PDB file of N, CA and C in Angstrom:
ATOM      1  N   UNK A   1       0.812  -1.212  -0.003  1.00  0.00           N
ATOM      2  CA  UNK A   1      -0.011   0.003  -0.007  1.00  0.00           C
ATOM      3  C   UNK A   1       0.868   1.266  -0.002  1.00  0.00           C
ATOM      4  N   UNK A   2       0.256   2.334  -0.430  1.00  0.00           N
ATOM      5  CA  UNK A   2       0.887   3.639  -0.450  1.00  0.00           C
ATOM      6  C   UNK A   2       0.323   4.472   0.691  1.00  0.00           C
ATOM      7  N   UNK A   3       1.197   5.152   1.416  1.00  0.00           N
ATOM      8  CA  UNK A   3       0.787   6.022   2.509  1.00  0.00           C
ATOM      9  C   UNK A   3       1.214   7.443   2.157  1.00  0.00           C
ATOM     10  N   UNK A   4       0.279   8.379   2.252  1.00  0.00           N
ATOM     11  CA  UNK A   4       0.516   9.757   1.847  1.00  0.00           C
ATOM     12  C   UNK A   4       0.411  10.657   3.052  1.00  0.00           C
ATOM     13  N   UNK A   5       1.278  11.662   3.128  1.00  0.00           N
ATOM     14  CA  UNK A   5       1.223  12.553   4.287  1.00  0.00           C
ATOM     15  C   UNK A   5       1.499  14.005   3.857  1.00  0.00           C
ATOM     16  N   UNK A   6       1.057  14.878   4.732  1.00  0.00           N
ATOM     17  CA  UNK A   6       1.397  16.312   4.649  1.00  0.00           C
ATOM     18  C   UNK A   6       1.919  16.703   6.014  1.00  0.00           C
ATOM     19  N   UNK A   7       2.881  17.576   6.051  1.00  0.00           N
ATOM     20  CA  UNK A   7       3.481  17.982   7.306  1.00  0.00           C
ATOM     21  C   UNK A   7       2.992  19.372   7.674  1.00  0.00           C
ATOM     22  N   UNK A   8       2.260  19.459   8.759  1.00  0.00           N
ATOM     23  CA  UNK A   8       1.730  20.749   9.190  1.00  0.00           C
ATOM     24  C   UNK A   8       2.543  21.359  10.333  1.00  0.00           C
ATOM     25  N   UNK A   9       3.591  20.675  10.763  1.00  0.00           N
ATOM     26  CA  UNK A   9       4.337  21.145  11.904  1.00  0.00           C
ATOM     27  C   UNK A   9       5.711  21.704  11.492  1.00  0.00           C
ATOM     28  N   UNK A  10       6.051  22.835  12.047  1.00  0.00           N
ATOM     29  CA  UNK A  10       7.379  23.423  11.808  1.00  0.00           C
ATOM     30  C   UNK A  10       8.070  23.656  13.142  1.00  0.00           C
ATOM     31  N   UNK A  11       9.346  23.370  13.157  1.00  0.00           N
ATOM     32  CA  UNK A  11      10.159  23.748  14.317  1.00  0.00           C
ATOM     33  C   UNK A  11      10.110  25.250  14.447  1.00  0.00           C
ATOM     34  N   UNK A  12      10.231  25.745  15.650  1.00  0.00           N
ATOM     35  CA  UNK A  12      10.250  27.188  15.853  1.00  0.00           C
ATOM     36  C   UNK A  12      11.342  27.833  14.993  1.00  0.00           C
ATOM     37  N   UNK A  13      12.495  27.166  14.930  1.00  0.00           N
ATOM     38  CA  UNK A  13      13.597  27.669  14.101  1.00  0.00           C
ATOM     39  C   UNK A  13      13.230  27.716  12.643  1.00  0.00           C
ATOM     40  N   UNK A  14      12.587  26.652  12.160  1.00  0.00           N
ATOM     41  CA  UNK A  14      12.149  26.606  10.763  1.00  0.00           C
ATOM     42  C   UNK A  14      11.137  27.703  10.476  1.00  0.00           C
ATOM     43  N   UNK A  15      10.220  27.877  11.406  1.00  0.00           N
ATOM     44  CA  UNK A  15       9.144  28.813  11.165  1.00  0.00           C
ATOM     45  C   UNK A  15       9.693  30.202  10.864  1.00  0.00           C
ATOM     46  N   UNK A  16      10.787  30.569  11.469  1.00  0.00           N
ATOM     47  CA  UNK A  16      11.357  31.892  11.180  1.00  0.00           C
ATOM     48  C   UNK A  16      11.894  31.918   9.751  1.00  0.00           C
ATOM     49  N   UNK A  17      12.344  30.781   9.266  1.00  0.00           N
ATOM     50  CA  UNK A  17      12.933  30.736   7.921  1.00  0.00           C
ATOM     51  C   UNK A  17      11.882  30.648   6.830  1.00  0.00           C
ATOM     52  N   UNK A  18      10.835  29.913   7.082  1.00  0.00           N
ATOM     53  CA  UNK A  18       9.835  29.655   6.019  1.00  0.00           C
ATOM     54  C   UNK A  18       8.418  29.813   6.549  1.00  0.00           C
ATOM     55  N   UNK A  19       8.167  30.870   7.276  1.00  0.00           N
ATOM     56  CA  UNK A  19       6.853  31.048   7.909  1.00  0.00           C
ATOM     57  C   UNK A  19       5.703  31.001   6.929  1.00  0.00           C
ATOM     58  N   UNK A  20       5.799  31.633   5.820  1.00  0.00           N
ATOM     59  CA  UNK A  20       4.668  31.725   4.938  1.00  0.00           C
ATOM     60  C   UNK A  20       4.471  30.481   4.063  1.00  0.00           C
ATOM     61  N   UNK A  21       5.517  29.677   3.955  1.00  0.00           N
ATOM     62  CA  UNK A  21       5.435  28.498   3.111  1.00  0.00           C
ATOM     63  C   UNK A  21       4.939  27.254   3.835  1.00  0.00           C
ATOM     64  N   UNK A  22       4.866  27.338   5.153  1.00  0.00           N
ATOM     65  CA  UNK A  22       4.630  26.148   5.977  1.00  0.00           C
ATOM     66  C   UNK A  22       5.836  25.240   5.757  1.00  0.00           C
ATOM     67  N   UNK A  23       5.777  24.018   6.218  1.00  0.00           N
ATOM     68  CA  UNK A  23       6.919  23.143   5.954  1.00  0.00           C
ATOM     69  C   UNK A  23       7.124  22.936   4.459  1.00  0.00           C
ATOM     70  N   UNK A  24       8.344  22.977   4.050  1.00  0.00           N
ATOM     71  CA  UNK A  24       8.697  22.828   2.645  1.00  0.00           C
ATOM     72  C   UNK A  24       9.317  21.458   2.407  1.00  0.00           C
ATOM     73  N   UNK A  25       9.613  21.176   1.145  1.00  0.00           N
ATOM     74  CA  UNK A  25      10.250  19.923   0.781  1.00  0.00           C
ATOM     75  C   UNK A  25      11.504  19.698   1.648  1.00  0.00           C
ATOM     76  N   UNK A  26      11.626  18.505   2.173  1.00  0.00           N
ATOM     77  CA  UNK A  26      12.766  18.084   2.997  1.00  0.00           C
ATOM     78  C   UNK A  26      12.772  18.730   4.390  1.00  0.00           C
ATOM     79  N   UNK A  27      11.695  19.412   4.749  1.00  0.00           N
ATOM     80  CA  UNK A  27      11.639  19.990   6.107  1.00  0.00           C
ATOM     81  C   UNK A  27      11.644  18.926   7.170  1.00  0.00           C
ATOM     82  N   UNK A  28      11.202  17.722   6.812  1.00  0.00           N
ATOM     83  CA  UNK A  28      11.197  16.641   7.783  1.00  0.00           C
ATOM     84  C   UNK A  28      12.600  16.248   8.262  1.00  0.00           C
ATOM     85  N   UNK A  29      13.617  16.623   7.507  1.00  0.00           N
ATOM     86  CA  UNK A  29      15.001  16.330   7.905  1.00  0.00           C
ATOM     87  C   UNK A  29      15.350  17.027   9.231  1.00  0.00           C
ATOM     88  N   UNK A  30      14.754  18.158   9.494  1.00  0.00           N
ATOM     89  CA  UNK A  30      14.981  18.847  10.762  1.00  0.00           C
ATOM     90  C   UNK A  30      14.489  17.998  11.923  1.00  0.00           C
ATOM     91  N   UNK A  31      13.484  17.205  11.674  1.00  0.00           N
ATOM     92  CA  UNK A  31      12.922  16.360  12.732  1.00  0.00           C
ATOM     93  C   UNK A  31      13.692  15.058  12.907  1.00  0.00           C
ATOM     94  N   UNK A  32      14.408  14.652  11.898  1.00  0.00           N
ATOM     95  CA  UNK A  32      15.193  13.415  11.985  1.00  0.00           C
ATOM     96  C   UNK A  32      16.585  13.636  12.589  1.00  0.00           C
ATOM     97  N   UNK A  33      17.170  14.749  12.257  1.00  0.00           N
ATOM     98  CA  UNK A  33      18.530  15.011  12.671  1.00  0.00           C
ATOM     99  C   UNK A  33      18.530  16.230  13.605  1.00  0.00           C
ATOM    100  N   UNK A  34      19.374  16.177  14.585  1.00  0.00           N
ATOM    101  CA  UNK A  34      19.444  17.250  15.584  1.00  0.00           C
ATOM    102  C   UNK A  34      20.291  18.397  15.045  1.00  0.00           C
ATOM    103  N   UNK A  35      19.697  19.165  14.102  1.00  0.00           N
ATOM    104  CA  UNK A  35      20.428  20.231  13.431  1.00  0.00           C
ATOM    105  C   UNK A  35      19.974  21.641  13.832  1.00  0.00           C
ATOM    106  N   UNK A  36      18.945  21.697  14.667  1.00  0.00           N
ATOM    107  CA  UNK A  36      18.420  22.996  15.085  1.00  0.00           C
ATOM    108  C   UNK A  36      17.964  22.891  16.532  1.00  0.00           C
ATOM    109  N   UNK A  37      17.938  23.986  17.228  1.00  0.00           N
ATOM    110  CA  UNK A  37      17.421  23.944  18.600  1.00  0.00           C
ATOM    111  C   UNK A  37      15.967  23.460  18.617  1.00  0.00           C
ATOM    112  N   UNK A  38      15.605  22.677  19.652  1.00  0.00           N
ATOM    113  CA  UNK A  38      14.243  22.145  19.735  1.00  0.00           C
ATOM    114  C   UNK A  38      13.659  22.432  21.100  1.00  0.00           C
ATOM    115  N   UNK A  39      12.355  22.652  21.128  1.00  0.00           N
ATOM    116  CA  UNK A  39      11.644  22.740  22.395  1.00  0.00           C
ATOM    117  C   UNK A  39      10.948  21.421  22.662  1.00  0.00           C
ATOM    118  N   UNK A  40      10.178  21.347  23.738  1.00  0.00           N
ATOM    119  CA  UNK A  40       9.520  20.088  24.111  1.00  0.00           C
ATOM    120  C   UNK A  40       8.525  19.615  23.040  1.00  0.00           C
ATOM    121  N   UNK A  41       7.781  20.533  22.462  1.00  0.00           N
ATOM    122  CA  UNK A  41       6.830  20.157  21.401  1.00  0.00           C
ATOM    123  C   UNK A  41       7.553  19.629  20.163  1.00  0.00           C
ATOM    124  N   UNK A  42       8.670  20.254  19.799  1.00  0.00           N
ATOM    125  CA  UNK A  42       9.470  19.809  18.661  1.00  0.00           C
ATOM    126  C   UNK A  42       9.932  18.356  18.900  1.00  0.00           C
ATOM    127  N   UNK A  43      10.357  18.059  20.120  1.00  0.00           N
ATOM    128  CA  UNK A  43      10.796  16.686  20.453  1.00  0.00           C
ATOM    129  C   UNK A  43       9.639  15.699  20.344  1.00  0.00           C
ATOM    130  N   UNK A  44       8.458  16.103  20.829  1.00  0.00           N
ATOM    131  CA  UNK A  44       7.282  15.224  20.750  1.00  0.00           C
ATOM    132  C   UNK A  44       6.927  14.913  19.288  1.00  0.00           C
ATOM    133  N   UNK A  45       6.943  15.966  18.471  1.00  0.00           N
ATOM    134  CA  UNK A  45       6.624  15.763  17.052  1.00  0.00           C
ATOM    135  C   UNK A  45       7.650  14.847  16.392  1.00  0.00           C
ATOM    136  N   UNK A  46       8.910  15.137  16.666  1.00  0.00           N
ATOM    137  CA  UNK A  46      10.003  14.348  16.084  1.00  0.00           C
ATOM    138  C   UNK A  46       9.852  12.861  16.436  1.00  0.00           C
ATOM    139  N   UNK A  47       9.587  12.565  17.695  1.00  0.00           N
ATOM    140  CA  UNK A  47       9.420  11.168  18.133  1.00  0.00           C
ATOM    141  C   UNK A  47       8.264  10.506  17.413  1.00  0.00           C
ATOM    142  N   UNK A  48       7.162  11.245  17.259  1.00  0.00           N
ATOM    143  CA  UNK A  48       5.968  10.719  16.589  1.00  0.00           C
ATOM    144  C   UNK A  48       6.310  10.384  15.138  1.00  0.00           C
ATOM    145  N   UNK A  49       6.938  11.321  14.445  1.00  0.00           N
ATOM    146  CA  UNK A  49       7.259  11.123  13.024  1.00  0.00           C
ATOM    147  C   UNK A  49       8.227   9.916  12.854  1.00  0.00           C
ATOM    148  N   UNK A  50       9.226   9.865  13.717  1.00  0.00           N
ATOM    149  CA  UNK A  50      10.184   8.756  13.622  1.00  0.00           C
ATOM    150  C   UNK A  50       9.502   7.421  13.905  1.00  0.00           C
ATOM    151  N   UNK A  51       8.550   7.402  14.828  1.00  0.00           N
ATOM    152  CA  UNK A  51       7.787   6.194  15.143  1.00  0.00           C
ATOM    153  C   UNK A  51       6.999   5.723  13.912  1.00  0.00           C
ATOM    154  N   UNK A  52       6.325   6.645  13.222  1.00  0.00           N
ATOM    155  CA  UNK A  52       5.596   6.285  12.012  1.00  0.00           C
ATOM    156  C   UNK A  52       6.559   5.708  10.964  1.00  0.00           C
ATOM    157  N   UNK A  53       7.672   6.361  10.741  1.00  0.00           N
ATOM    158  CA  UNK A  53       8.652   5.900   9.715  1.00  0.00           C
ATOM    159  C   UNK A  53       9.232   4.549  10.105  1.00  0.00           C
ATOM    160  N   UNK A  54       9.573   4.385  11.383  1.00  0.00           N
ATOM    161  CA  UNK A  54      10.156   3.135  11.840  1.00  0.00           C
ATOM    162  C   UNK A  54       9.147   1.980  11.693  1.00  0.00           C
ATOM    163  N   UNK A  55       7.901   2.233  12.095  1.00  0.00           N
ATOM    164  CA  UNK A  55       6.867   1.243  11.933  1.00  0.00           C
ATOM    165  C   UNK A  55       6.699   0.842  10.467  1.00  0.00           C
ATOM    166  N   UNK A  56       6.726   1.807   9.595  1.00  0.00           N
ATOM    167  CA  UNK A  56       6.599   1.492   8.163  1.00  0.00           C
ATOM    168  C   UNK A  56       7.754   0.627   7.693  1.00  0.00           C
ATOM    169  N   UNK A  57       8.973   0.949   8.112  1.00  0.00           N
ATOM    170  CA  UNK A  57      10.130   0.156   7.712  1.00  0.00           C
ATOM    171  C   UNK A  57      10.057  -1.271   8.277  1.00  0.00           C
ATOM    172  N   UNK A  58       9.591  -1.418   9.511  1.00  0.00           N
ATOM    173  CA  UNK A  58       9.540  -2.719  10.163  1.00  0.00           C
ATOM    174  C   UNK A  58       8.341  -3.568   9.691  1.00  0.00           C
ATOM    175  N   UNK A  59       7.175  -2.926   9.590  1.00  0.00           N
ATOM    176  CA  UNK A  59       5.949  -3.683   9.405  1.00  0.00           C
ATOM    177  C   UNK A  59       5.213  -3.401   8.077  1.00  0.00           C
ATOM    178  N   UNK A  60       5.711  -2.422   7.287  1.00  0.00           N
ATOM    179  CA  UNK A  60       5.009  -2.055   6.068  1.00  0.00           C
ATOM    180  C   UNK A  60       3.739  -1.264   6.356  1.00  0.00           C
ATOM    181  N   UNK A  61       3.577  -0.793   7.579  1.00  0.00           N
ATOM    182  CA  UNK A  61       2.402  -0.039   8.010  1.00  0.00           C
ATOM    183  C   UNK A  61       2.877   0.973   9.069  1.00  0.00           C
ATOM    184  N   UNK A  62       2.624   2.272   8.857  1.00  0.00           N
ATOM    185  CA  UNK A  62       3.112   3.248   9.820  1.00  0.00           C
ATOM    186  C   UNK A  62       2.435   3.196  11.189  1.00  0.00           C
ATOM    187  N   UNK A  63       1.227   2.600  11.262  1.00  0.00           N
ATOM    188  CA  UNK A  63       0.538   2.513  12.539  1.00  0.00           C
ATOM    189  C   UNK A  63      -0.104   1.140  12.736  1.00  0.00           C
ATOM    190  N   UNK A  64       0.742   0.078  12.875  1.00  0.00           N
ATOM    191  CA  UNK A  64       0.201  -1.257  12.994  1.00  0.00           C
ATOM    192  C   UNK A  64      -0.425  -1.559  14.352  1.00  0.00           C
ATOM    193  N   UNK A  65      -0.036  -0.830  15.384  1.00  0.00           N
ATOM    194  CA  UNK A  65      -0.503  -1.087  16.738  1.00  0.00           C
ATOM    195  C   UNK A  65      -1.265   0.104  17.245  1.00  0.00           C
ATOM    196  N   UNK A  66      -2.563  -0.032  17.405  1.00  0.00           N
ATOM    197  CA  UNK A  66      -3.383   1.090  17.829  1.00  0.00           C
ATOM    198  C   UNK A  66      -3.225   1.393  19.302  1.00  0.00           C
ATOM    199  N   UNK A  67      -2.430   0.610  20.021  1.00  0.00           N
ATOM    200  CA  UNK A  67      -2.235   0.855  21.452  1.00  0.00           C
ATOM    201  C   UNK A  67      -1.032   1.728  21.735  1.00  0.00           C
ATOM    202  N   UNK A  68      -0.344   2.219  20.701  1.00  0.00           N
ATOM    203  CA  UNK A  68       0.869   2.988  20.925  1.00  0.00           C
ATOM    204  C   UNK A  68       0.646   4.508  20.912  1.00  0.00           C
ATOM    205  N   UNK A  69      -0.603   4.920  20.828  1.00  0.00           N
ATOM    206  CA  UNK A  69      -0.933   6.333  20.901  1.00  0.00           C
ATOM    207  C   UNK A  69      -0.855   7.078  19.572  1.00  0.00           C
ATOM    208  N   UNK A  70      -0.512   6.397  18.499  1.00  0.00           N
ATOM    209  CA  UNK A  70      -0.449   7.021  17.183  1.00  0.00           C
ATOM    210  C   UNK A  70      -1.815   6.997  16.531  1.00  0.00           C
ATOM    211  N   UNK A  71      -2.131   8.038  15.774  1.00  0.00           N
ATOM    212  CA  UNK A  71      -3.339   8.064  14.975  1.00  0.00           C
ATOM    213  C   UNK A  71      -3.221   7.003  13.883  1.00  0.00           C
ATOM    214  N   UNK A  72      -4.264   6.243  13.642  1.00  0.00           N
ATOM    215  CA  UNK A  72      -4.236   5.209  12.615  1.00  0.00           C
ATOM    216  C   UNK A  72      -4.062   5.855  11.226  1.00  0.00           C
ATOM    217  N   UNK A  73      -3.027   5.434  10.525  1.00  0.00           N
ATOM    218  CA  UNK A  73      -2.688   5.973   9.214  1.00  0.00           C
ATOM    219  C   UNK A  73      -3.244   5.016   8.145  1.00  0.00           C
ATOM    220  N   UNK A  74      -4.247   5.468   7.442  1.00  0.00           N
ATOM    221  CA  UNK A  74      -4.877   4.641   6.414  1.00  0.00           C
ATOM    222  C   UNK A  74      -4.112   4.759   5.093  1.00  0.00           C
ATOM    223  N   UNK A  75      -4.058   3.671   4.334  1.00  0.00           N
ATOM    224  CA  UNK A  75      -3.413   3.750   3.025  1.00  0.00           C
ATOM    225  C   UNK A  75      -4.128   4.722   2.087  1.00  0.00           C
ATOM    226  N   UNK A  76      -3.408   5.301   1.178  1.00  0.00           N
ATOM    227  CA  UNK A  76      -3.973   6.185   0.160  1.00  0.00           C
ATOM    228  C   UNK A  76      -4.903   5.382  -0.713  1.00  0.00           C
ATOM    229  N   UNK A  77      -6.052   5.903  -1.011  1.00  0.00           N
ATOM    230  CA  UNK A  77      -7.029   5.199  -1.846  1.00  0.00           C
ATOM    231  C   UNK A  77      -7.860   6.222  -2.635  1.00  0.00           C
ATOM    232  N   UNK A  78      -8.961   5.776  -3.168  1.00  0.00           N
ATOM    233  CA  UNK A  78      -9.795   6.658  -3.981  1.00  0.00           C
ATOM    234  C   UNK A  78     -10.291   7.871  -3.215  1.00  0.00           C
ATOM    235  N   UNK A  79     -10.411   7.756  -1.890  1.00  0.00           N
ATOM    236  CA  UNK A  79     -10.846   8.907  -1.108  1.00  0.00           C
ATOM    237  C   UNK A  79      -9.684   9.843  -0.806  1.00  0.00           C
ATOM    238  N   UNK A  80      -8.502   9.531  -1.337  1.00  0.00           N
ATOM    239  CA  UNK A  80      -7.306  10.351  -1.224  1.00  0.00           C
ATOM    240  C   UNK A  80      -6.942  10.604   0.258  1.00  0.00           C
ATOM    241  N   UNK A  81      -6.923   9.534   1.041  1.00  0.00           N
ATOM    242  CA  UNK A  81      -6.604   9.603   2.446  1.00  0.00           C
ATOM    243  C   UNK A  81      -5.193  10.128   2.661  1.00  0.00           C
ATOM    244  N   UNK A  82      -5.068  11.132   3.518  1.00  0.00           N
ATOM    245  CA  UNK A  82      -3.786  11.785   3.767  1.00  0.00           C
ATOM    246  C   UNK A  82      -3.615  11.980   5.268  1.00  0.00           C
ATOM    247  N   UNK A  83      -2.471  11.594   5.789  1.00  0.00           N
ATOM    248  CA  UNK A  83      -2.157  11.851   7.185  1.00  0.00           C
ATOM    249  C   UNK A  83      -1.549  13.245   7.268  1.00  0.00           C
ATOM    250  N   UNK A  84      -2.172  14.119   8.042  1.00  0.00           N
ATOM    251  CA  UNK A  84      -1.639  15.451   8.271  1.00  0.00           C
ATOM    252  C   UNK A  84      -0.845  15.380   9.573  1.00  0.00           C
ATOM    253  N   UNK A  85       0.468  15.346   9.427  1.00  0.00           N
ATOM    254  CA  UNK A  85       1.333  15.230  10.591  1.00  0.00           C
ATOM    255  C   UNK A  85       1.440  16.534  11.342  1.00  0.00           C
ATOM    256  N   UNK A  86       1.198  16.462  12.635  1.00  0.00           N
ATOM    257  CA  UNK A  86       1.220  17.632  13.508  1.00  0.00           C
ATOM    258  C   UNK A  86       1.352  17.104  14.913  1.00  0.00           C
ATOM    259  N   UNK A  87       1.329  17.953  15.919  1.00  0.00           N
ATOM    260  CA  UNK A  87       1.383  17.489  17.289  1.00  0.00           C
ATOM    261  C   UNK A  87       0.248  16.521  17.563  1.00  0.00           C
ATOM    262  N   UNK A  88      -0.905  16.810  16.975  1.00  0.00           N
ATOM    263  CA  UNK A  88      -2.028  15.877  17.008  1.00  0.00           C
ATOM    264  C   UNK A  88      -2.369  15.539  15.560  1.00  0.00           C
ATOM    265  N   UNK A  89      -1.709  14.537  15.056  1.00  0.00           N
ATOM    266  CA  UNK A  89      -1.882  14.148  13.648  1.00  0.00           C
ATOM    267  C   UNK A  89      -3.306  13.653  13.403  1.00  0.00           C
ATOM    268  N   UNK A  90      -3.777  13.841  12.152  1.00  0.00           N
ATOM    269  CA  UNK A  90      -5.129  13.409  11.826  1.00  0.00           C
ATOM    270  C   UNK A  90      -5.205  13.006  10.348  1.00  0.00           C
ATOM    271  N   UNK A  91      -6.156  12.112  10.078  1.00  0.00           N
ATOM    272  CA  UNK A  91      -6.421  11.698   8.696  1.00  0.00           C
ATOM    273  C   UNK A  91      -7.444  12.632   8.083  1.00  0.00           C
ATOM    274  N   UNK A  92      -7.186  13.039   6.844  1.00  0.00           N
ATOM    275  CA  UNK A  92      -8.155  13.805   6.087  1.00  0.00           C
ATOM    276  C   UNK A  92      -8.189  13.276   4.668  1.00  0.00           C
ATOM    277  N   UNK A  93      -9.214  13.623   3.955  1.00  0.00           N
ATOM    278  CA  UNK A  93      -9.356  13.188   2.565  1.00  0.00           C
ATOM    279  C   UNK A  93      -9.394  14.412   1.642  1.00  0.00           C
ATOM    280  N   UNK A  94      -8.815  14.223   0.472  1.00  0.00           N
ATOM    281  CA  UNK A  94      -8.902  15.187  -0.593  1.00  0.00           C
ATOM    282  C   UNK A  94      -8.410  16.561  -0.138  1.00  0.00           C
ATOM    283  N   UNK A  95      -7.223  16.614   0.450  1.00  0.00           N
ATOM    284  CA  UNK A  95      -6.684  17.912   0.934  1.00  0.00           C
ATOM    285  C   UNK A  95      -6.234  18.771  -0.230  1.00  0.00           C
ATOM    286  N   UNK A  96      -6.228  20.056  -0.034  1.00  0.00           N
ATOM    287  CA  UNK A  96      -5.769  21.043  -1.008  1.00  0.00           C
ATOM    288  C   UNK A  96      -6.260  20.728  -2.415  1.00  0.00           C
ATOM    289  N   UNK A  97      -7.561  20.652  -2.509  1.00  0.00           N
ATOM    290  CA  UNK A  97      -8.243  20.209  -3.729  1.00  0.00           C
ATOM    291  C   UNK A  97      -7.834  21.013  -4.986  1.00  0.00           C
ATOM    292  N   UNK A  98      -7.779  22.337  -4.873  1.00  0.00           N
ATOM    293  CA  UNK A  98      -7.444  23.151  -6.051  1.00  0.00           C
ATOM    294  C   UNK A  98      -6.004  22.883  -6.517  1.00  0.00           C
ATOM    295  N   UNK A  99      -5.122  22.746  -5.559  1.00  0.00           N
ATOM    296  CA  UNK A  99      -3.717  22.492  -5.885  1.00  0.00           C
ATOM    297  C   UNK A  99      -3.592  21.123  -6.573  1.00  0.00           C
ATOM    298  N   UNK A 100      -4.322  20.145  -6.082  1.00  0.00           N
ATOM    299  CA  UNK A 100      -4.259  18.801  -6.642  1.00  0.00           C
ATOM    300  C   UNK A 100      -4.892  18.756  -8.071  1.00  0.00           C
ATOM    301  N   UNK A 101      -5.897  19.599  -8.278  1.00  0.00           N
ATOM    302  CA  UNK A 101      -6.484  19.666  -9.637  1.00  0.00           C
ATOM    303  C   UNK A 101      -5.455  20.125 -10.666  1.00  0.00           C
ATOM    304  N   UNK A 102      -4.599  21.033 -10.261  1.00  0.00           N
ATOM    305  CA  UNK A 102      -3.525  21.490 -11.140  1.00  0.00           C
ATOM    306  C   UNK A 102      -2.625  20.329 -11.523  1.00  0.00           C
ATOM    307  N   UNK A 103      -2.178  19.530 -10.531  1.00  0.00           N
ATOM    308  CA  UNK A 103      -1.330  18.375 -10.822  1.00  0.00           C
ATOM    309  C   UNK A 103      -2.079  17.338 -11.628  1.00  0.00           C
ATOM    310  N   UNK A 104      -3.361  17.179 -11.348  1.00  0.00           N
ATOM    311  CA  UNK A 104      -4.180  16.265 -12.123  1.00  0.00           C
ATOM    312  C   UNK A 104      -4.132  16.613 -13.616  1.00  0.00           C
ATOM    313  N   UNK A 105      -4.283  17.919 -13.881  1.00  0.00           N
ATOM    314  CA  UNK A 105      -4.283  18.390 -15.260  1.00  0.00           C
ATOM    315  C   UNK A 105      -2.887  18.322 -15.896  1.00  0.00           C
ATOM    316  N   UNK A 106      -1.880  18.754 -15.162  1.00  0.00           N
ATOM    317  CA  UNK A 106      -0.521  18.789 -15.719  1.00  0.00           C
ATOM    318  C   UNK A 106       0.057  17.394 -15.972  1.00  0.00           C
ATOM    319  N   UNK A 107      -0.149  16.504 -15.037  1.00  0.00           N
ATOM    320  CA  UNK A 107       0.534  15.195 -15.138  1.00  0.00           C
ATOM    321  C   UNK A 107      -0.424  14.081 -15.505  1.00  0.00           C
ATOM    322  N   UNK A 108      -1.421  13.828 -14.673  1.00  0.00           N
ATOM    323  CA  UNK A 108      -2.193  12.604 -14.827  1.00  0.00           C
ATOM    324  C   UNK A 108      -3.093  12.611 -16.049  1.00  0.00           C
ATOM    325  N   UNK A 109      -3.767  13.682 -16.350  1.00  0.00           N
ATOM    326  CA  UNK A 109      -4.663  13.713 -17.524  1.00  0.00           C
ATOM    327  C   UNK A 109      -3.853  13.474 -18.808  1.00  0.00           C
ATOM    328  N   UNK A 110      -2.692  14.116 -18.913  1.00  0.00           N
ATOM    329  CA  UNK A 110      -1.853  13.922 -20.093  1.00  0.00           C
ATOM    330  C   UNK A 110      -1.296  12.510 -20.174  1.00  0.00           C
ATOM    331  N   UNK A 111      -0.937  11.967 -19.017  1.00  0.00           N
ATOM    332  CA  UNK A 111      -0.417  10.584 -18.992  1.00  0.00           C
ATOM    333  C   UNK A 111      -1.501   9.603 -19.423  1.00  0.00           C
ATOM    334  N   UNK A 112      -2.718   9.831 -18.989  1.00  0.00           N
ATOM    335  CA  UNK A 112      -3.825   8.949 -19.363  1.00  0.00           C
ATOM    336  C   UNK A 112      -4.085   9.013 -20.856  1.00  0.00           C
ATOM    337  N   UNK A 113      -4.015  10.220 -21.457  1.00  0.00           N
ATOM    338  CA  UNK A 113      -4.235  10.345 -22.887  1.00  0.00           C
ATOM    339  C   UNK A 113      -3.168   9.592 -23.668  1.00  0.00           C
ATOM    340  N   UNK A 114      -1.930   9.687 -23.242  1.00  0.00           N
ATOM    341  CA  UNK A 114      -0.831   8.996 -23.908  1.00  0.00           C
ATOM    342  C   UNK A 114      -0.990   7.479 -23.781  1.00  0.00           C
ATOM    343  N   UNK A 115      -1.381   7.027 -22.601  1.00  0.00           N
ATOM    344  CA  UNK A 115      -1.522   5.583 -22.346  1.00  0.00           C
ATOM    345  C   UNK A 115      -2.661   4.970 -23.147  1.00  0.00           C
ATOM    346  N   UNK A 116      -3.666   5.759 -23.544  1.00  0.00           N
ATOM    347  CA  UNK A 116      -4.811   5.206 -24.278  1.00  0.00           C
ATOM    348  C   UNK A 116      -4.511   4.894 -25.724  1.00  0.00           C
ATOM    349  N   UNK A 117      -3.581   5.631 -26.344  1.00  0.00           N
ATOM    350  CA  UNK A 117      -3.339   5.375 -27.764  1.00  0.00           C
ATOM    351  C   UNK A 117      -2.149   4.533 -27.904  1.00  0.00           C
TER     352      UNK A 117
END
């Protein structure tokens, strides 16, 4: 299965650098490696994210055990299930619809037309 996520959490240090962009590509590296000062919330988020990633590497599922305090991460499907990672992570469907329509048009619609002929 495919698991899709969005990162809604920024380290305080990051926020000063990219406040208006929210977390950007590779922003998760700040949570993996101790490269910036962290507060208690940053540490909590980092541990949660690492737990999801470790579970996926071990079990092929980011949240195989519902007793570990993690929000259940559903595989990506037709409802476009997305885990929004934050201090209190949550599952949502069809996030950023307008933005995704752009990618649908740019990439997938053209790919489908090519695949048909």
